[in-house]
C-alpha atoms as a PDB file:
ATOM      1  CA  UNK A   1       0.000   0.000   0.000  1.00  0.00           C
ATOM      2  CA  UNK A   2       2.830   2.379   0.868  1.00  0.00           C
ATOM      3  CA  UNK A   3       4.500   1.764  -2.492  1.00  0.00           C
ATOM      4  CA  UNK A   4       1.214   2.353  -4.311  1.00  0.00           C
ATOM      5  CA  UNK A   5       0.755   5.615  -2.413  1.00  0.00           C
ATOM      6  CA  UNK A   6       4.248   6.789  -3.361  1.00  0.00           C
ATOM      7  CA  UNK A   7       3.636   5.925  -7.025  1.00  0.00           C
ATOM      8  CA  UNK A   8       0.315   7.761  -7.064  1.00  0.00           C
ATOM      9  CA  UNK A   9       1.826  10.790  -5.328  1.00  0.00           C
ATOM     10  CA  UNK A  10       4.741  10.876  -7.777  1.00  0.00           C
ATOM     11  CA  UNK A  11       2.391  10.612 -10.730  1.00  0.00           C
ATOM     12  CA  UNK A  12       0.185  13.371  -9.288  1.00  0.00           C
ATOM     13  CA  UNK A  13       3.175  15.693  -8.952  1.00  0.00           C
ATOM     14  CA  UNK A  14       4.288  14.989 -12.522  1.00  0.00           C
ATOM     15  CA  UNK A  15       0.766  15.518 -13.808  1.00  0.00           C
ATOM     16  CA  UNK A  16       0.519  18.847 -12.004  1.00  0.00           C
ATOM     17  CA  UNK A  17       3.869  20.162 -13.248  1.00  0.00           C
ATOM     18  CA  UNK A  18       3.823  21.787 -16.671  1.00  0.00           C
ATOM     19  CA  UNK A  19       6.800  23.282 -18.412  1.00  0.00           C
ATOM     20  CA  UNK A  20       6.091  25.321 -21.505  1.00  0.00           C
ATOM     21  CA  UNK A  21       7.495  26.147 -24.888  1.00  0.00           C
ATOM     22  CA  UNK A  22       4.478  27.536 -26.695  1.00  0.00           C
ATOM     23  CA  UNK A  23       6.713  28.731 -29.531  1.00  0.00           C
ATOM     24  CA  UNK A  24       8.489  25.394 -29.924  1.00  0.00           C
ATOM     25  CA  UNK A  25       9.731  25.070 -33.529  1.00  0.00           C
ATOM     26  CA  UNK A  26       8.201  22.038 -35.230  1.00  0.00           C
ATOM     27  CA  UNK A  27      10.178  20.108 -37.824  1.00  0.00           C
ATOM     28  CA  UNK A  28       9.626  16.837 -39.647  1.00  0.00           C
ATOM     29  CA  UNK A  29      11.499  13.647 -40.503  1.00  0.00           C
ATOM     30  CA  UNK A  30      11.645  12.405 -44.087  1.00  0.00           C
ATOM     31  CA  UNK A  31      12.699   9.135 -45.696  1.00  0.00           C
ATOM     32  CA  UNK A  32      12.934   8.891 -49.480  1.00  0.00           C
ATOM     33  CA  UNK A  33      13.034   5.101 -49.181  1.00  0.00           C
ATOM     34  CA  UNK A  34       9.816   4.941 -47.151  1.00  0.00           C
ATOM     35  CA  UNK A  35       8.191   7.404 -49.504  1.00  0.00           C
ATOM     36  CA  UNK A  36       8.926   5.042 -52.395  1.00  0.00           C
ATOM     37  CA  UNK A  37       7.631   2.108 -50.374  1.00  0.00           C
ATOM     38  CA  UNK A  38       4.273   3.893 -50.095  1.00  0.00           C
ATOM     39  CA  UNK A  39       4.204   4.428 -53.853  1.00  0.00           C
ATOM     40  CA  UNK A  40       5.013   8.143 -53.677  1.00  0.00           C
ATOM     41  CA  UNK A  41       7.459  10.219 -55.666  1.00  0.00           C
ATOM     42  CA  UNK A  42       9.996  11.197 -52.970  1.00  0.00           C
ATOM     43  CA  UNK A  43      10.932  14.463 -54.668  1.00  0.00           C
ATOM     44  CA  UNK A  44       7.284  15.511 -54.826  1.00  0.00           C
ATOM     45  CA  UNK A  45       6.841  14.411 -51.212  1.00  0.00           C
ATOM     46  CA  UNK A  46       9.784  16.479 -49.950  1.00  0.00           C
ATOM     47  CA  UNK A  47       8.737  19.435 -52.093  1.00  0.00           C
ATOM     48  CA  UNK A  48       5.313  19.283 -50.449  1.00  0.00           C
ATOM     49  CA  UNK A  49       7.005  19.340 -47.034  1.00  0.00           C
ATOM     50  CA  UNK A  50       8.651  22.644 -47.896  1.00  0.00           C
ATOM     51  CA  UNK A  51       6.245  24.328 -50.324  1.00  0.00           C
ATOM     52  CA  UNK A  52       2.828  23.317 -48.980  1.00  0.00           C
ATOM     53  CA  UNK A  53       3.468  22.439 -45.354  1.00  0.00           C
ATOM     54  CA  UNK A  54       6.127  25.136 -44.826  1.00  0.00           C
ATOM     55  CA  UNK A  55       8.522  23.184 -42.626  1.00  0.00           C
ATOM     56  CA  UNK A  56      11.882  24.832 -42.001  1.00  0.00           C
ATOM     57  CA  UNK A  57      13.488  22.018 -40.017  1.00  0.00           C
ATOM     58  CA  UNK A  58      13.848  18.542 -41.496  1.00  0.00           C
ATOM     59  CA  UNK A  59      15.611  15.369 -40.416  1.00  0.00           C
ATOM     60  CA  UNK A  60      17.188  13.413 -43.286  1.00  0.00           C
ATOM     61  CA  UNK A  61      19.256  10.235 -43.409  1.00  0.00           C
ATOM     62  CA  UNK A  62      22.611   9.366 -44.952  1.00  0.00           C
ATOM     63  CA  UNK A  63      21.646   5.705 -45.130  1.00  0.00           C
ATOM     64  CA  UNK A  64      24.741   3.525 -45.354  1.00  0.00           C
ATOM     65  CA  UNK A  65      23.275   0.705 -47.458  1.00  0.00           C
ATOM     66  CA  UNK A  66      21.965   3.197 -50.026  1.00  0.00           C
ATOM     67  CA  UNK A  67      25.138   5.270 -50.247  1.00  0.00           C
ATOM     68  CA  UNK A  68      27.703   2.449 -50.339  1.00  0.00           C
ATOM     69  CA  UNK A  69      25.974  -0.444 -52.087  1.00  0.00           C
ATOM     70  CA  UNK A  70      29.373  -1.599 -53.345  1.00  0.00           C
ATOM     71  CA  UNK A  71      32.340  -1.481 -51.007  1.00  0.00           C
ATOM     72  CA  UNK A  72      34.360   1.690 -51.562  1.00  0.00           C
ATOM     73  CA  UNK A  73      31.955   3.127 -54.166  1.00  0.00           C
ATOM     74  CA  UNK A  74      29.810   5.965 -52.888  1.00  0.00           C
ATOM     75  CA  UNK A  75      26.637   7.287 -54.469  1.00  0.00           C
ATOM     76  CA  UNK A  76      25.230  10.381 -52.766  1.00  0.00           C
ATOM     77  CA  UNK A  77      22.923  11.364 -55.621  1.00  0.00           C
ATOM     78  CA  UNK A  78      19.703  10.553 -53.727  1.00  0.00           C
ATOM     79  CA  UNK A  79      20.767  12.501 -50.644  1.00  0.00           C
ATOM     80  CA  UNK A  80      22.305  15.365 -52.639  1.00  0.00           C
ATOM     81  CA  UNK A  81      18.988  16.463 -54.121  1.00  0.00           C
ATOM     82  CA  UNK A  82      17.324  16.290 -50.700  1.00  0.00           C
ATOM     83  CA  UNK A  83      20.002  18.482 -49.123  1.00  0.00           C
ATOM     84  CA  UNK A  84      19.924  20.885 -52.062  1.00  0.00           C
ATOM     85  CA  UNK A  85      16.129  21.119 -51.976  1.00  0.00           C
ATOM     86  CA  UNK A  86      16.289  21.909 -48.262  1.00  0.00           C
ATOM     87  CA  UNK A  87      18.855  24.658 -48.898  1.00  0.00           C
ATOM     88  CA  UNK A  88      16.790  26.105 -51.730  1.00  0.00           C
ATOM     89  CA  UNK A  89      13.843  26.422 -49.328  1.00  0.00           C
ATOM     90  CA  UNK A  90      15.852  27.900 -46.476  1.00  0.00           C
ATOM     91  CA  UNK A  91      15.398  24.769 -44.348  1.00  0.00           C
ATOM     92  CA  UNK A  92      17.884  23.402 -41.818  1.00  0.00           C
ATOM     93  CA  UNK A  93      18.800  19.717 -41.807  1.00  0.00           C
ATOM     94  CA  UNK A  94      19.501  17.307 -38.980  1.00  0.00           C
ATOM     95  CA  UNK A  95      21.410  14.611 -40.868  1.00  0.00           C
ATOM     96  CA  UNK A  96      21.488  11.103 -39.408  1.00  0.00           C
ATOM     97  CA  UNK A  97      24.604   9.004 -40.018  1.00  0.00           C
ATOM     98  CA  UNK A  98      25.776   5.625 -38.769  1.00  0.00           C
ATOM     99  CA  UNK A  99      24.750   1.996 -39.027  1.00  0.00           C
ATOM    100  CA  UNK A 100      21.429   2.591 -37.224  1.00  0.00           C
ATOM    101  CA  UNK A 101      19.322   5.350 -38.734  1.00  0.00           C
ATOM    102  CA  UNK A 102      15.564   6.119 -38.798  1.00  0.00           C
ATOM    103  CA  UNK A 103      12.992   3.666 -40.196  1.00  0.00           C
ATOM    104  CA  UNK A 104      12.795  -0.107 -40.146  1.00  0.00           C
ATOM    105  CA  UNK A 105      14.867  -2.295 -40.053  1.00  0.00           C
ATOM    106  CA  UNK A 106      16.693   0.420 -38.067  1.00  0.00           C
ATOM    107  CA  UNK A 107      20.205  -0.809 -38.925  1.00  0.00           C
ATOM    108  CA  UNK A 108      20.776  -0.108 -42.621  1.00  0.00           C
ATOM    109  CA  UNK A 109      23.943  -2.087 -43.263  1.00  0.00           C
ATOM    110  CA  UNK A 110      25.160  -2.947 -46.784  1.00  0.00           C
ATOM    111  CA  UNK A 111      25.014  -6.648 -47.579  1.00  0.00           C
ATOM    112  CA  UNK A 112      28.747  -6.772 -48.278  1.00  0.00           C
ATOM    113  CA  UNK A 113      29.527  -5.392 -44.797  1.00  0.00           C
ATOM    114  CA  UNK A 114      27.173  -7.496 -42.694  1.00  0.00           C
ATOM    115  CA  UNK A 115      29.466 -10.517 -42.458  1.00  0.00           C
ATOM    116  CA  UNK A 116      32.805  -8.773 -42.073  1.00  0.00           C
ATOM    117  CA  UNK A 117      35.105  -9.468 -39.104  1.00  0.00           C
ATOM    118  CA  UNK A 118      34.635  -6.968 -36.286  1.00  0.00           C
ATOM    119  CA  UNK A 119      37.692  -4.796 -36.930  1.00  0.00           C
ATOM    120  CA  UNK A 120      37.150  -4.717 -40.685  1.00  0.00           C
ATOM    121  CA  UNK A 121      33.495  -3.815 -40.143  1.00  0.00           C
ATOM    122  CA  UNK A 122      34.525  -1.035 -37.768  1.00  0.00           C
ATOM    123  CA  UNK A 123      36.979   0.408 -40.280  1.00  0.00           C
ATOM    124  CA  UNK A 124      34.380   0.413 -43.058  1.00  0.00           C
ATOM    125  CA  UNK A 125      31.697   2.015 -40.881  1.00  0.00           C
ATOM    126  CA  UNK A 126      34.030   4.792 -39.788  1.00  0.00           C
ATOM    127  CA  UNK A 127      35.187   5.309 -43.361  1.00  0.00           C
ATOM    128  CA  UNK A 128      31.610   5.757 -44.601  1.00  0.00           C
ATOM    129  CA  UNK A 129      30.943   8.263 -41.792  1.00  0.00           C
ATOM    130  CA  UNK A 130      34.124  10.121 -42.698  1.00  0.00           C
ATOM    131  CA  UNK A 131      33.159  10.353 -46.367  1.00  0.00           C
ATOM    132  CA  UNK A 132      29.619  11.539 -45.510  1.00  0.00           C
ATOM    133  CA  UNK A 133      30.800  14.197 -43.053  1.00  0.00           C
ATOM    134  CA  UNK A 134      33.385  15.553 -45.475  1.00  0.00           C
ATOM    135  CA  UNK A 135      30.781  15.746 -48.218  1.00  0.00           C
ATOM    136  CA  UNK A 136      28.200  17.760 -46.274  1.00  0.00           C
ATOM    137  CA  UNK A 137      30.156  19.655 -43.604  1.00  0.00           C
ATOM    138  CA  UNK A 138      30.008  22.850 -45.665  1.00  0.00           C
ATOM    139  CA  UNK A 139      26.535  22.333 -47.123  1.00  0.00           C
ATOM    140  CA  UNK A 140      24.357  25.402 -46.422  1.00  0.00           C
ATOM    141  CA  UNK A 141      21.421  23.282 -45.222  1.00  0.00           C
ATOM    142  CA  UNK A 142      23.343  21.295 -42.618  1.00  0.00           C
ATOM    143  CA  UNK A 143      22.612  22.220 -38.997  1.00  0.00           C
ATOM    144  CA  UNK A 144      23.156  19.120 -36.804  1.00  0.00           C
ATOM    145  CA  UNK A 145      24.793  15.701 -37.129  1.00  0.00           C
ATOM    146  CA  UNK A 146      22.709  12.923 -35.622  1.00  0.00           C
ATOM    147  CA  UNK A 147      25.152  10.101 -34.865  1.00  0.00           C
ATOM    148  CA  UNK A 148      23.222   6.802 -34.792  1.00  0.00           C
ATOM    149  CA  UNK A 149      19.523   6.493 -33.953  1.00  0.00           C
ATOM    150  CA  UNK A 150      18.586   5.203 -30.503  1.00  0.00           C
ATOM    151  CA  UNK A 151      21.833   3.194 -30.355  1.00  0.00           C
ATOM    152  CA  UNK A 152      21.228   1.844 -26.833  1.00  0.00           C
ATOM    153  CA  UNK A 153      17.638   0.835 -27.461  1.00  0.00           C
ATOM    154  CA  UNK A 154      17.474  -2.877 -28.451  1.00  0.00           C
ATOM    155  CA  UNK A 155      15.086  -2.549 -31.370  1.00  0.00           C
ATOM    156  CA  UNK A 156      15.501  -3.520 -35.002  1.00  0.00           C
ATOM    157  CA  UNK A 157      17.642  -5.916 -37.023  1.00  0.00           C
ATOM    158  CA  UNK A 158      21.011  -4.855 -35.645  1.00  0.00           C
ATOM    159  CA  UNK A 159      24.381  -6.243 -34.523  1.00  0.00           C
ATOM    160  CA  UNK A 160      24.410  -7.387 -30.882  1.00  0.00           C
ATOM    161  CA  UNK A 161      26.866  -4.633 -29.883  1.00  0.00           C
ATOM    162  CA  UNK A 162      25.363  -1.900 -32.028  1.00  0.00           C
ATOM    163  CA  UNK A 163      26.344   0.951 -29.705  1.00  0.00           C
ATOM    164  CA  UNK A 164      29.885  -0.240 -29.143  1.00  0.00           C
ATOM    165  CA  UNK A 165      31.447   2.326 -31.482  1.00  0.00           C
ATOM    166  CA  UNK A 166      29.225   5.301 -30.670  1.00  0.00           C
ATOM    167  CA  UNK A 167      31.865   7.283 -28.794  1.00  0.00           C
ATOM    168  CA  UNK A 168      34.353   6.734 -31.604  1.00  0.00           C
ATOM    169  CA  UNK A 169      31.803   7.760 -34.251  1.00  0.00           C
ATOM    170  CA  UNK A 170      30.989  10.981 -32.400  1.00  0.00           C
ATOM    171  CA  UNK A 171      34.673  11.781 -31.880  1.00  0.00           C
ATOM    172  CA  UNK A 172      35.337  11.268 -35.580  1.00  0.00           C
ATOM    173  CA  UNK A 173      32.407  13.471 -36.595  1.00  0.00           C
ATOM    174  CA  UNK A 174      33.562  16.256 -34.263  1.00  0.00           C
ATOM    175  CA  UNK A 175      37.147  15.979 -35.484  1.00  0.00           C
ATOM    176  CA  UNK A 176      36.092  16.327 -39.122  1.00  0.00           C
ATOM    177  CA  UNK A 177      33.496  19.038 -38.477  1.00  0.00           C
ATOM    178  CA  UNK A 178      33.890  21.164 -35.366  1.00  0.00           C
ATOM    179  CA  UNK A 179      31.351  23.701 -36.600  1.00  0.00           C
ATOM    180  CA  UNK A 180      28.135  21.678 -36.384  1.00  0.00           C
ATOM    181  CA  UNK A 181      26.870  20.098 -33.137  1.00  0.00           C
ATOM    182  CA  UNK A 182      26.193  16.395 -32.693  1.00  0.00           C
ATOM    183  CA  UNK A 183      23.101  14.765 -31.232  1.00  0.00           C
ATOM    184  CA  UNK A 184      22.374  11.277 -29.915  1.00  0.00           C
ATOM    185  CA  UNK A 185      18.904   9.833 -29.347  1.00  0.00           C
ATOM    186  CA  UNK A 186      17.086   7.318 -27.194  1.00  0.00           C
ATOM    187  CA  UNK A 187      13.606   5.940 -26.600  1.00  0.00           C
ATOM    188  CA  UNK A 188      11.498   8.531 -24.813  1.00  0.00           C
ATOM    189  CA  UNK A 189       9.270   5.910 -23.253  1.00  0.00           C
ATOM    190  CA  UNK A 190      11.446   2.851 -22.603  1.00  0.00           C
ATOM    191  CA  UNK A 191      14.768   4.260 -21.449  1.00  0.00           C
ATOM    192  CA  UNK A 192      16.123   6.514 -18.705  1.00  0.00           C
ATOM    193  CA  UNK A 193      18.611   8.124 -21.163  1.00  0.00           C
ATOM    194  CA  UNK A 194      21.583   7.687 -18.820  1.00  0.00           C
ATOM    195  CA  UNK A 195      24.065   6.414 -21.420  1.00  0.00           C
ATOM    196  CA  UNK A 196      22.906   8.208 -24.560  1.00  0.00           C
ATOM    197  CA  UNK A 197      22.385  11.642 -23.012  1.00  0.00           C
ATOM    198  CA  UNK A 198      26.048  12.104 -22.056  1.00  0.00           C
ATOM    199  CA  UNK A 199      27.587  11.383 -25.430  1.00  0.00           C
ATOM    200  CA  UNK A 200      26.941  14.334 -27.729  1.00  0.00           C
ATOM    201  CA  UNK A 201      26.316  18.090 -27.693  1.00  0.00           C
ATOM    202  CA  UNK A 202      22.530  17.654 -27.838  1.00  0.00           C
ATOM    203  CA  UNK A 203      20.075  14.917 -26.940  1.00  0.00           C
ATOM    204  CA  UNK A 204      16.908  13.719 -28.656  1.00  0.00           C
ATOM    205  CA  UNK A 205      14.077  11.420 -27.543  1.00  0.00           C
ATOM    206  CA  UNK A 206      11.006   9.877 -29.088  1.00  0.00           C
ATOM    207  CA  UNK A 207       7.497  10.755 -27.919  1.00  0.00           C
ATOM    208  CA  UNK A 208       4.761   8.215 -28.618  1.00  0.00           C
ATOM    209  CA  UNK A 209       1.330   8.583 -27.025  1.00  0.00           C
ATOM    210  CA  UNK A 210      -0.766   5.744 -28.533  1.00  0.00           C
ATOM    211  CA  UNK A 211       0.785   2.344 -29.229  1.00  0.00           C
ATOM    212  CA  UNK A 212      -0.384  -1.176 -29.924  1.00  0.00           C
ATOM    213  CA  UNK A 213       0.640  -4.329 -28.101  1.00  0.00           C
ATOM    214  CA  UNK A 214      -0.188  -7.899 -29.111  1.00  0.00           C
ATOM    215  CA  UNK A 215      -1.216  -8.787 -25.569  1.00  0.00           C
ATOM    216  CA  UNK A 216      -3.483  -5.844 -24.697  1.00  0.00           C
ATOM    217  CA  UNK A 217      -4.160  -4.022 -27.986  1.00  0.00           C
ATOM    218  CA  UNK A 218      -4.117  -0.210 -28.091  1.00  0.00           C
ATOM    219  CA  UNK A 219      -3.125   1.798 -25.070  1.00  0.00           C
ATOM    220  CA  UNK A 220      -2.149   5.361 -24.262  1.00  0.00           C
ATOM    221  CA  UNK A 221       0.792   6.547 -22.231  1.00  0.00           C
ATOM    222  CA  UNK A 222      -1.661   8.372 -19.945  1.00  0.00           C
ATOM    223  CA  UNK A 223       0.610   7.723 -16.955  1.00  0.00           C
ATOM    224  CA  UNK A 224       3.551   9.420 -18.683  1.00  0.00           C
ATOM    225  CA  UNK A 225       2.718  13.170 -18.659  1.00  0.00           C
ATOM    226  CA  UNK A 226       4.955  15.695 -20.442  1.00  0.00           C
ATOM    227  CA  UNK A 227       6.799  16.495 -17.219  1.00  0.00           C
ATOM    228  CA  UNK A 228       7.964  12.857 -17.079  1.00  0.00           C
ATOM    229  CA  UNK A 229      10.193  13.677 -20.041  1.00  0.00           C
ATOM    230  CA  UNK A 230      11.280  17.008 -18.560  1.00  0.00           C
ATOM    231  CA  UNK A 231      12.187  15.474 -15.213  1.00  0.00           C
ATOM    232  CA  UNK A 232      14.285  12.789 -16.878  1.00  0.00           C
ATOM    233  CA  UNK A 233      16.181  15.523 -18.669  1.00  0.00           C
ATOM    234  CA  UNK A 234      16.773  17.199 -15.303  1.00  0.00           C
ATOM    235  CA  UNK A 235      17.870  13.895 -13.723  1.00  0.00           C
ATOM    236  CA  UNK A 236      20.478  13.500 -16.475  1.00  0.00           C
ATOM    237  CA  UNK A 237      21.744  17.055 -16.147  1.00  0.00           C
ATOM    238  CA  UNK A 238      20.311  18.143 -19.489  1.00  0.00           C
ATOM    239  CA  UNK A 239      19.188  21.770 -19.944  1.00  0.00           C
ATOM    240  CA  UNK A 240      15.767  21.749 -21.620  1.00  0.00           C
ATOM    241  CA  UNK A 241      17.094  23.958 -24.430  1.00  0.00           C
ATOM    242  CA  UNK A 242      19.500  21.149 -25.408  1.00  0.00           C
ATOM    243  CA  UNK A 243      16.822  18.456 -25.667  1.00  0.00           C
ATOM    244  CA  UNK A 244      14.821  17.745 -28.824  1.00  0.00           C
ATOM    245  CA  UNK A 245      11.927  15.417 -29.524  1.00  0.00           C
ATOM    246  CA  UNK A 246      13.408  13.807 -32.609  1.00  0.00           C
ATOM    247  CA  UNK A 247      10.449  11.510 -33.251  1.00  0.00           C
ATOM    248  CA  UNK A 248       7.025  12.891 -32.294  1.00  0.00           C
ATOM    249  CA  UNK A 249       4.305  10.421 -33.251  1.00  0.00           C
ATOM    250  CA  UNK A 250       2.275  11.688 -36.190  1.00  0.00           C
ATOM    251  CA  UNK A 251       1.489   8.404 -37.943  1.00  0.00           C
ATOM    252  CA  UNK A 252      -0.405   5.321 -36.736  1.00  0.00           C
ATOM    253  CA  UNK A 253       1.008   2.437 -34.778  1.00  0.00           C
ATOM    254  CA  UNK A 254       0.082  -0.332 -37.224  1.00  0.00           C
ATOM    255  CA  UNK A 255      -1.133  -3.586 -35.618  1.00  0.00           C
ATOM    256  CA  UNK A 256      -0.452  -6.976 -37.186  1.00  0.00           C
ATOM    257  CA  UNK A 257       0.650  -5.941 -40.641  1.00  0.00           C
ATOM    258  CA  UNK A 258       1.642  -2.926 -42.684  1.00  0.00           C
ATOM    259  CA  UNK A 259       0.080   0.273 -44.002  1.00  0.00           C
ATOM    260  CA  UNK A 260      -1.397  -1.491 -47.034  1.00  0.00           C
ATOM    261  CA  UNK A 261      -3.009  -4.379 -45.159  1.00  0.00           C
ATOM    262  CA  UNK A 262      -4.695  -2.357 -42.407  1.00  0.00           C
ATOM    263  CA  UNK A 263      -7.856  -0.312 -43.015  1.00  0.00           C
ATOM    264  CA  UNK A 264      -7.856   3.450 -42.602  1.00  0.00           C
ATOM    265  CA  UNK A 265     -10.410   3.160 -39.819  1.00  0.00           C
ATOM    266  CA  UNK A 266      -7.989   0.920 -37.960  1.00  0.00           C
ATOM    267  CA  UNK A 267      -5.077   3.298 -38.595  1.00  0.00           C
ATOM    268  CA  UNK A 268      -7.080   6.263 -37.338  1.00  0.00           C
ATOM    269  CA  UNK A 269      -7.466   4.538 -33.954  1.00  0.00           C
ATOM    270  CA  UNK A 270      -3.899   5.539 -33.081  1.00  0.00           C
ATOM    271  CA  UNK A 271      -3.466   8.653 -35.247  1.00  0.00           C
ATOM    272  CA  UNK A 272      -5.940  11.308 -36.340  1.00  0.00           C
ATOM    273  CA  UNK A 273      -6.118  15.079 -36.148  1.00  0.00           C
ATOM    274  CA  UNK A 274      -7.333  15.091 -32.546  1.00  0.00           C
ATOM    275  CA  UNK A 275      -4.534  12.778 -31.453  1.00  0.00           C
ATOM    276  CA  UNK A 276      -1.945  14.768 -33.391  1.00  0.00           C
ATOM    277  CA  UNK A 277      -3.128  17.935 -31.689  1.00  0.00           C
ATOM    278  CA  UNK A 278      -2.788  16.240 -28.283  1.00  0.00           C
ATOM    279  CA  UNK A 279       0.705  15.026 -29.149  1.00  0.00           C
ATOM    280  CA  UNK A 280       1.837  18.496 -30.147  1.00  0.00           C
ATOM    281  CA  UNK A 281       0.455  19.980 -26.940  1.00  0.00           C
ATOM    282  CA  UNK A 282       2.304  17.353 -24.901  1.00  0.00           C
ATOM    283  CA  UNK A 283       5.514  18.085 -26.800  1.00  0.00           C
ATOM    284  CA  UNK A 284       5.275  21.801 -26.085  1.00  0.00           C
ATOM    285  CA  UNK A 285       4.590  21.104 -22.404  1.00  0.00           C
ATOM    286  CA  UNK A 286       7.948  19.350 -22.022  1.00  0.00           C
ATOM    287  CA  UNK A 287       9.688  22.693 -22.453  1.00  0.00           C
ATOM    288  CA  UNK A 288      12.142  21.094 -24.882  1.00  0.00           C
ATOM    289  CA  UNK A 289      13.812  23.070 -27.662  1.00  0.00           C
ATOM    290  CA  UNK A 290      12.259  21.520 -30.767  1.00  0.00           C
ATOM    291  CA  UNK A 291      10.170  18.591 -32.050  1.00  0.00           C
ATOM    292  CA  UNK A 292      10.287  16.663 -35.324  1.00  0.00           C
ATOM    293  CA  UNK A 293       7.040  15.065 -36.461  1.00  0.00           C
ATOM    294  CA  UNK A 294       7.214  11.445 -37.610  1.00  0.00           C
ATOM    295  CA  UNK A 295       4.814  10.570 -40.431  1.00  0.00           C
ATOM    296  CA  UNK A 296       5.091  13.016 -43.353  1.00  0.00           C
ATOM    297  CA  UNK A 297       5.114  10.182 -45.883  1.00  0.00           C
ATOM    298  CA  UNK A 298       1.880   8.812 -44.421  1.00  0.00           C
ATOM    299  CA  UNK A 299       0.145  12.202 -44.635  1.00  0.00           C
ATOM    300  CA  UNK A 300       1.003  12.401 -48.344  1.00  0.00           C
ATOM    301  CA  UNK A 301      -0.162   8.803 -48.830  1.00  0.00           C
ATOM    302  CA  UNK A 302      -3.496   9.695 -47.210  1.00  0.00           C
ATOM    303  CA  UNK A 303      -3.833  12.625 -49.612  1.00  0.00           C
ATOM    304  CA  UNK A 304      -3.430  10.250 -52.540  1.00  0.00           C
ATOM    305  CA  UNK A 305      -6.295   8.231 -51.106  1.00  0.00           C
ATOM    306  CA  UNK A 306      -8.471  11.350 -50.954  1.00  0.00           C
ATOM    307  CA  UNK A 307      -8.124  12.111 -47.245  1.00  0.00           C
ATOM    308  CA  UNK A 308      -6.427  15.480 -46.664  1.00  0.00           C
ATOM    309  CA  UNK A 309      -7.603  16.210 -43.107  1.00  0.00           C
ATOM    310  CA  UNK A 310      -4.200  15.693 -41.482  1.00  0.00           C
ATOM    311  CA  UNK A 311      -2.394  17.337 -44.390  1.00  0.00           C
ATOM    312  CA  UNK A 312      -4.597  20.433 -44.059  1.00  0.00           C
ATOM    313  CA  UNK A 313      -3.999  20.530 -40.313  1.00  0.00           C
ATOM    314  CA  UNK A 314      -0.229  20.282 -40.750  1.00  0.00           C
ATOM    315  CA  UNK A 315      -0.230  22.990 -43.414  1.00  0.00           C
ATOM    316  CA  UNK A 316      -1.809  25.471 -41.006  1.00  0.00           C
ATOM    317  CA  UNK A 317       0.266  24.370 -38.011  1.00  0.00           C
ATOM    318  CA  UNK A 318       2.407  26.957 -36.252  1.00  0.00           C
ATOM    319  CA  UNK A 319       5.994  25.899 -36.916  1.00  0.00           C
END
């Protein structure tokens, strides 16, 4: 009973506390690969992000398996046009590099590298990071280097010691480019951030509010108020102005399948305009510096299906 009372009291305090960043800048993540998966033209999708939805902050990915399909041969053409389009629209880019970057299967490792001995794999990973940093360090759109994506969170098809080289990757990035800050990320819901938050200049966390679980179905993180995130930042010695929400839920949590096999009515159970509005309010109440919405490809896919409600909401959103 005493433990239950302490838990309820702690939750009540967190629920009562509200930080605020009413003017929090809102950005968006974008994946050309996922855009293609949904049957969209990625250039049109990214153009919409800038021209129609007016985002000025975007998170892009230097995906290793796309850039170095053949060992030692680098093809940046797909990322070049994304960076250039961002610059042309006056947008600032958070560029994710490393073996683990946004979107499933999380670790995007070239086939030729997946079976290499540990030291050879390490050398190739660091070499790809070096080439990517040198290519974009002076690009006018670049603002922040994201080194790995949730490296300490055991999710995705990844090597067992996926975070083992994180410190070395960050050191290399800083050595090659001292001008732009680095950021590391972690799960906002399932981690205490202790290891990831001390590695880079900035820190980023996810924020999911409605998820699906095979055992209990849909559920909300009602017991995790915005101040829960803020207090964890404080516990880790992080000033709120150095913490970003790098993945703010703005697409559905798909149960038992993929976007194509699940009805829109089912998808709208975990993401709709009302839920998106609630998520944005929660993000602003953390007091963090910035948030990046996760789901721009899905909004464009909905538009193709004749449903523009979320797209219209995002277009008019204060950013």
